[in-house]
Amino acid sequence: MNVQELPLLNASLNTLATLLIVAGLIAIKAERKSLHRILMGGAIVVSAAFLTSYLIYHFNVVAVTRFTHTGWPKTLYYFILTPFPMPRIRDDRLVFKSKDNCR
């Protein structure tokens, strides 16, 4: 695998982590704590793999994509981009919180 293939891996890992979190939510609502614990552990591992792959990609790619438009398109772009990582941060906190509560 080369660096140019990492965005596809990143997207796949991110999707898998999301599916594991959703499955964990379903499991805990069904009071299946053991399954929930396994799914949340898997989500943590997959999220760590995603972060590793993401950092490897960005430390090895020299091309930088810049948003060159001005005016309202740039405002809209930053309006959409700025909150983008927030759900991910919230989800990771929920995974760790639920992992602690299952003990």
N, C-alpha and C. Protein backbone atom coordinates (compact mmCIF):
# COMPACT_ATOMS: atom_id res chain seq x y z
N MET A 1 0.85 -1.18 0.00
CA MET A 1 0.00 0.00 0.00
C MET A 1 0.89 1.24 0.00
N ASN A 2 0.53 2.21 -0.83
CA ASN A 2 1.30 3.45 -0.85
C ASN A 2 0.47 4.59 -0.24
N VAL A 3 1.11 5.73 -0.07
CA VAL A 3 0.49 6.87 0.61
C VAL A 3 -0.76 7.36 -0.12
N GLN A 4 -0.77 7.28 -1.44
CA GLN A 4 -1.93 7.74 -2.21
C GLN A 4 -3.18 6.90 -1.97
N GLU A 5 -3.02 5.72 -1.46
CA GLU A 5 -4.16 4.84 -1.18
C GLU A 5 -4.73 5.04 0.23
N LEU A 6 -4.05 5.83 1.06
CA LEU A 6 -4.49 6.00 2.44
C LEU A 6 -5.83 6.72 2.60
N PRO A 7 -6.20 7.70 1.75
CA PRO A 7 -7.52 8.31 1.94
C PRO A 7 -8.66 7.30 1.87
N LEU A 8 -8.58 6.32 1.01
CA LEU A 8 -9.61 5.28 0.94
C LEU A 8 -9.61 4.45 2.23
N LEU A 9 -8.43 4.11 2.71
CA LEU A 9 -8.33 3.38 3.98
C LEU A 9 -8.90 4.22 5.12
N ASN A 10 -8.58 5.53 5.13
CA ASN A 10 -9.09 6.42 6.17
C ASN A 10 -10.61 6.45 6.17
N ALA A 11 -11.19 6.60 4.99
CA ALA A 11 -12.65 6.63 4.88
C ALA A 11 -13.25 5.31 5.35
N SER A 12 -12.62 4.21 5.00
CA SER A 12 -13.12 2.89 5.40
C SER A 12 -13.04 2.70 6.91
N LEU A 13 -11.93 3.10 7.51
CA LEU A 13 -11.76 2.98 8.95
C LEU A 13 -12.75 3.87 9.70
N ASN A 14 -12.95 5.07 9.18
CA ASN A 14 -13.88 5.99 9.80
C ASN A 14 -15.31 5.45 9.74
N THR A 15 -15.67 4.86 8.60
CA THR A 15 -16.99 4.25 8.45
C THR A 15 -17.15 3.07 9.40
N LEU A 16 -16.13 2.23 9.49
CA LEU A 16 -16.20 1.08 10.38
C LEU A 16 -16.34 1.50 11.84
N ALA A 17 -15.60 2.54 12.23
CA ALA A 17 -15.70 3.03 13.61
C ALA A 17 -17.11 3.53 13.90
N THR A 18 -17.70 4.22 12.95
CA THR A 18 -19.07 4.72 13.11
C THR A 18 -20.05 3.56 13.25
N LEU A 19 -19.89 2.54 12.41
CA LEU A 19 -20.77 1.37 12.49
C LEU A 19 -20.63 0.64 13.82
N LEU A 20 -19.41 0.54 14.31
CA LEU A 20 -19.18 -0.11 15.61
C LEU A 20 -19.83 0.68 16.74
N ILE A 21 -19.75 2.00 16.67
CA ILE A 21 -20.37 2.84 17.70
C ILE A 21 -21.89 2.70 17.66
N VAL A 22 -22.46 2.72 16.47
CA VAL A 22 -23.92 2.56 16.34
C VAL A 22 -24.35 1.18 16.84
N ALA A 23 -23.59 0.16 16.47
CA ALA A 23 -23.90 -1.20 16.93
C ALA A 23 -23.77 -1.28 18.45
N GLY A 24 -22.78 -0.59 19.02
CA GLY A 24 -22.63 -0.54 20.47
C GLY A 24 -23.80 0.13 21.15
N LEU A 25 -24.31 1.18 20.53
CA LEU A 25 -25.49 1.86 21.06
C LEU A 25 -26.69 0.92 21.07
N ILE A 26 -26.87 0.21 19.98
CA ILE A 26 -27.98 -0.75 19.88
C ILE A 26 -27.81 -1.85 20.94
N ALA A 27 -26.57 -2.33 21.11
CA ALA A 27 -26.31 -3.40 22.08
C ALA A 27 -26.60 -2.94 23.50
N ILE A 28 -26.19 -1.72 23.85
CA ILE A 28 -26.41 -1.27 25.23
C ILE A 28 -27.88 -1.00 25.48
N LYS A 29 -28.61 -0.54 24.46
CA LYS A 29 -30.05 -0.34 24.63
C LYS A 29 -30.78 -1.67 24.80
N ALA A 30 -30.21 -2.73 24.23
CA ALA A 30 -30.77 -4.07 24.40
C ALA A 30 -30.22 -4.75 25.65
N GLU A 31 -29.46 -3.99 26.46
CA GLU A 31 -28.86 -4.47 27.70
C GLU A 31 -27.90 -5.64 27.51
N ARG A 32 -27.22 -5.62 26.39
CA ARG A 32 -26.20 -6.64 26.11
C ARG A 32 -24.83 -6.02 26.39
N LYS A 33 -24.49 -5.91 27.67
CA LYS A 33 -23.29 -5.20 28.09
C LYS A 33 -22.00 -5.83 27.58
N SER A 34 -21.96 -7.14 27.54
CA SER A 34 -20.75 -7.82 27.07
C SER A 34 -20.48 -7.49 25.59
N LEU A 35 -21.51 -7.57 24.77
CA LEU A 35 -21.37 -7.24 23.36
C LEU A 35 -21.02 -5.76 23.20
N HIS A 36 -21.65 -4.91 24.00
CA HIS A 36 -21.37 -3.47 23.95
C HIS A 36 -19.90 -3.20 24.24
N ARG A 37 -19.37 -3.86 25.27
CA ARG A 37 -17.97 -3.69 25.64
C ARG A 37 -17.05 -4.09 24.49
N ILE A 38 -17.34 -5.18 23.84
CA ILE A 38 -16.53 -5.64 22.70
C ILE A 38 -16.59 -4.64 21.55
N LEU A 39 -17.80 -4.16 21.25
CA LEU A 39 -17.97 -3.21 20.14
C LEU A 39 -17.26 -1.89 20.42
N MET A 40 -17.33 -1.41 21.65
CA MET A 40 -16.66 -0.15 22.00
C MET A 40 -15.14 -0.32 21.97
N GLY A 41 -14.67 -1.48 22.41
CA GLY A 41 -13.24 -1.76 22.30
C GLY A 41 -12.79 -1.77 20.86
N GLY A 42 -13.60 -2.38 19.99
CA GLY A 42 -13.31 -2.38 18.56
C GLY A 42 -13.30 -0.98 17.99
N ALA A 43 -14.25 -0.15 18.44
CA ALA A 43 -14.31 1.24 17.95
C ALA A 43 -13.06 2.01 18.35
N ILE A 44 -12.55 1.77 19.55
CA ILE A 44 -11.33 2.44 20.00
C ILE A 44 -10.14 2.01 19.14
N VAL A 45 -10.03 0.72 18.89
CA VAL A 45 -8.91 0.20 18.08
C VAL A 45 -8.98 0.75 16.65
N VAL A 46 -10.17 0.72 16.06
CA VAL A 46 -10.33 1.21 14.68
C VAL A 46 -10.08 2.71 14.62
N SER A 47 -10.53 3.46 15.63
CA SER A 47 -10.28 4.90 15.66
C SER A 47 -8.79 5.19 15.78
N ALA A 48 -8.08 4.41 16.56
CA ALA A 48 -6.63 4.58 16.68
C ALA A 48 -5.93 4.27 15.36
N ALA A 49 -6.40 3.24 14.67
CA ALA A 49 -5.83 2.91 13.35
C ALA A 49 -6.11 4.04 12.35
N PHE A 50 -7.33 4.61 12.41
CA PHE A 50 -7.67 5.73 11.55
C PHE A 50 -6.74 6.91 11.82
N LEU A 51 -6.55 7.26 13.08
CA LEU A 51 -5.71 8.39 13.43
C LEU A 51 -4.27 8.16 12.94
N THR A 52 -3.77 6.96 13.12
CA THR A 52 -2.42 6.63 12.66
C THR A 52 -2.30 6.79 11.15
N SER A 53 -3.24 6.22 10.42
CA SER A 53 -3.23 6.30 8.97
C SER A 53 -3.38 7.75 8.49
N TYR A 54 -4.25 8.50 9.14
CA TYR A 54 -4.49 9.90 8.80
C TYR A 54 -3.21 10.72 8.97
N LEU A 55 -2.52 10.51 10.09
CA LEU A 55 -1.29 11.26 10.35
C LEU A 55 -0.18 10.85 9.39
N ILE A 56 -0.07 9.56 9.10
CA ILE A 56 0.94 9.11 8.13
C ILE A 56 0.71 9.78 6.79
N TYR A 57 -0.54 9.82 6.35
CA TYR A 57 -0.87 10.44 5.07
C TYR A 57 -0.48 11.92 5.07
N HIS A 58 -0.88 12.65 6.10
CA HIS A 58 -0.64 14.09 6.10
C HIS A 58 0.81 14.47 6.36
N PHE A 59 1.58 13.59 6.97
CA PHE A 59 3.00 13.88 7.13
C PHE A 59 3.80 13.55 5.87
N ASN A 60 3.22 12.77 4.96
CA ASN A 60 3.94 12.36 3.76
C ASN A 60 3.46 13.02 2.47
N VAL A 61 2.38 13.72 2.50
CA VAL A 61 1.87 14.37 1.30
C VAL A 61 2.33 15.82 1.32
N VAL A 62 3.01 16.22 0.26
CA VAL A 62 3.53 17.59 0.21
C VAL A 62 2.53 18.55 -0.43
N ALA A 63 1.57 18.04 -1.17
CA ALA A 63 0.58 18.91 -1.80
C ALA A 63 -0.38 19.47 -0.76
N VAL A 64 -0.65 20.74 -0.87
CA VAL A 64 -1.59 21.39 0.03
C VAL A 64 -2.73 21.94 -0.81
N THR A 65 -3.93 21.60 -0.44
CA THR A 65 -5.10 22.10 -1.15
C THR A 65 -5.62 23.32 -0.40
N ARG A 66 -5.70 24.42 -1.12
CA ARG A 66 -6.19 25.66 -0.51
C ARG A 66 -7.50 26.08 -1.16
N PHE A 67 -8.37 26.64 -0.35
CA PHE A 67 -9.62 27.17 -0.87
C PHE A 67 -9.34 28.58 -1.36
N THR A 68 -9.47 28.82 -2.65
CA THR A 68 -9.02 30.08 -3.24
C THR A 68 -10.14 31.09 -3.51
N HIS A 69 -11.39 30.68 -3.34
CA HIS A 69 -12.49 31.62 -3.58
C HIS A 69 -12.57 32.65 -2.46
N THR A 70 -13.16 33.80 -2.78
CA THR A 70 -13.34 34.84 -1.77
C THR A 70 -14.83 35.11 -1.59
N GLY A 71 -15.14 35.93 -0.61
CA GLY A 71 -16.53 36.33 -0.40
C GLY A 71 -17.35 35.24 0.27
N TRP A 72 -18.64 35.16 -0.10
CA TRP A 72 -19.56 34.24 0.57
C TRP A 72 -19.21 32.77 0.38
N PRO A 73 -18.60 32.35 -0.79
CA PRO A 73 -18.23 30.92 -0.88
C PRO A 73 -17.20 30.52 0.19
N LYS A 74 -16.26 31.43 0.48
CA LYS A 74 -15.25 31.13 1.50
C LYS A 74 -15.90 31.08 2.89
N THR A 75 -16.82 31.98 3.15
CA THR A 75 -17.54 31.98 4.42
C THR A 75 -18.33 30.69 4.59
N LEU A 76 -19.03 30.27 3.54
CA LEU A 76 -19.79 29.03 3.57
C LEU A 76 -18.86 27.84 3.80
N TYR A 77 -17.73 27.82 3.10
CA TYR A 77 -16.76 26.73 3.24
C TYR A 77 -16.30 26.60 4.69
N TYR A 78 -15.91 27.70 5.31
CA TYR A 78 -15.45 27.63 6.69
C TYR A 78 -16.59 27.34 7.66
N PHE A 79 -17.80 27.80 7.34
CA PHE A 79 -18.97 27.49 8.15
C PHE A 79 -19.21 25.99 8.20
N ILE A 80 -19.02 25.31 7.05
CA ILE A 80 -19.20 23.86 6.97
C ILE A 80 -18.00 23.13 7.57
N LEU A 81 -16.80 23.62 7.29
CA LEU A 81 -15.56 22.93 7.70
C LEU A 81 -15.31 23.00 9.20
N THR A 82 -15.58 24.13 9.82
CA THR A 82 -15.21 24.34 11.22
C THR A 82 -15.85 23.33 12.17
N PRO A 83 -17.16 23.09 12.11
CA PRO A 83 -17.73 22.13 13.06
C PRO A 83 -17.54 20.67 12.66
N PHE A 84 -16.95 20.40 11.50
CA PHE A 84 -16.82 19.04 10.99
C PHE A 84 -16.19 18.06 11.97
N PRO A 85 -15.07 18.40 12.65
CA PRO A 85 -14.47 17.40 13.56
C PRO A 85 -15.19 17.25 14.89
N MET A 86 -16.10 18.15 15.22
CA MET A 86 -16.75 18.10 16.54
C MET A 86 -17.51 16.81 16.82
N PRO A 87 -18.33 16.29 15.88
CA PRO A 87 -19.01 15.02 16.19
C PRO A 87 -18.02 13.88 16.45
N ARG A 88 -16.91 13.89 15.74
CA ARG A 88 -15.90 12.85 15.93
C ARG A 88 -15.32 12.91 17.33
N ILE A 89 -15.03 14.11 17.78
CA ILE A 89 -14.48 14.29 19.13
C ILE A 89 -15.53 13.85 20.16
N ARG A 90 -16.79 14.25 19.96
CA ARG A 90 -17.86 13.85 20.87
C ARG A 90 -18.02 12.33 20.88
N ASP A 91 -17.99 11.72 19.70
CA ASP A 91 -18.17 10.27 19.62
C ASP A 91 -17.06 9.53 20.37
N ASP A 92 -15.82 9.99 20.22
CA ASP A 92 -14.72 9.33 20.91
C ASP A 92 -14.87 9.46 22.42
N ARG A 93 -15.29 10.63 22.90
CA ARG A 93 -15.52 10.81 24.33
C ARG A 93 -16.61 9.87 24.81
N LEU A 94 -17.68 9.70 24.01
CA LEU A 94 -18.76 8.80 24.39
C LEU A 94 -18.29 7.36 24.46
N VAL A 95 -17.42 6.99 23.54
CA VAL A 95 -16.89 5.62 23.55
C VAL A 95 -16.13 5.37 24.84
N PHE A 96 -15.25 6.30 25.22
CA PHE A 96 -14.47 6.11 26.44
C PHE A 96 -15.37 6.15 27.67
N LYS A 97 -16.36 7.03 27.68
CA LYS A 97 -17.28 7.13 28.81
C LYS A 97 -18.08 5.84 28.96
N SER A 98 -18.59 5.31 27.85
CA SER A 98 -19.38 4.09 27.94
C SER A 98 -18.50 2.90 28.31
N LYS A 99 -17.25 2.90 27.88
CA LYS A 99 -16.33 1.83 28.24
C LYS A 99 -16.13 1.82 29.76
N ASP A 100 -16.02 3.00 30.37
CA ASP A 100 -15.86 3.08 31.83
C ASP A 100 -17.12 2.61 32.55
N ASN A 101 -18.28 2.91 32.01
CA ASN A 101 -19.54 2.57 32.67
C ASN A 101 -19.87 1.09 32.59
N CYS A 102 -19.22 0.34 31.72
CA CYS A 102 -19.54 -1.08 31.54
C CYS A 102 -18.78 -1.98 32.50
N ARG A 103 -17.93 -1.44 33.29
CA ARG A 103 -17.12 -2.28 34.17
C ARG A 103 -17.87 -2.70 35.39
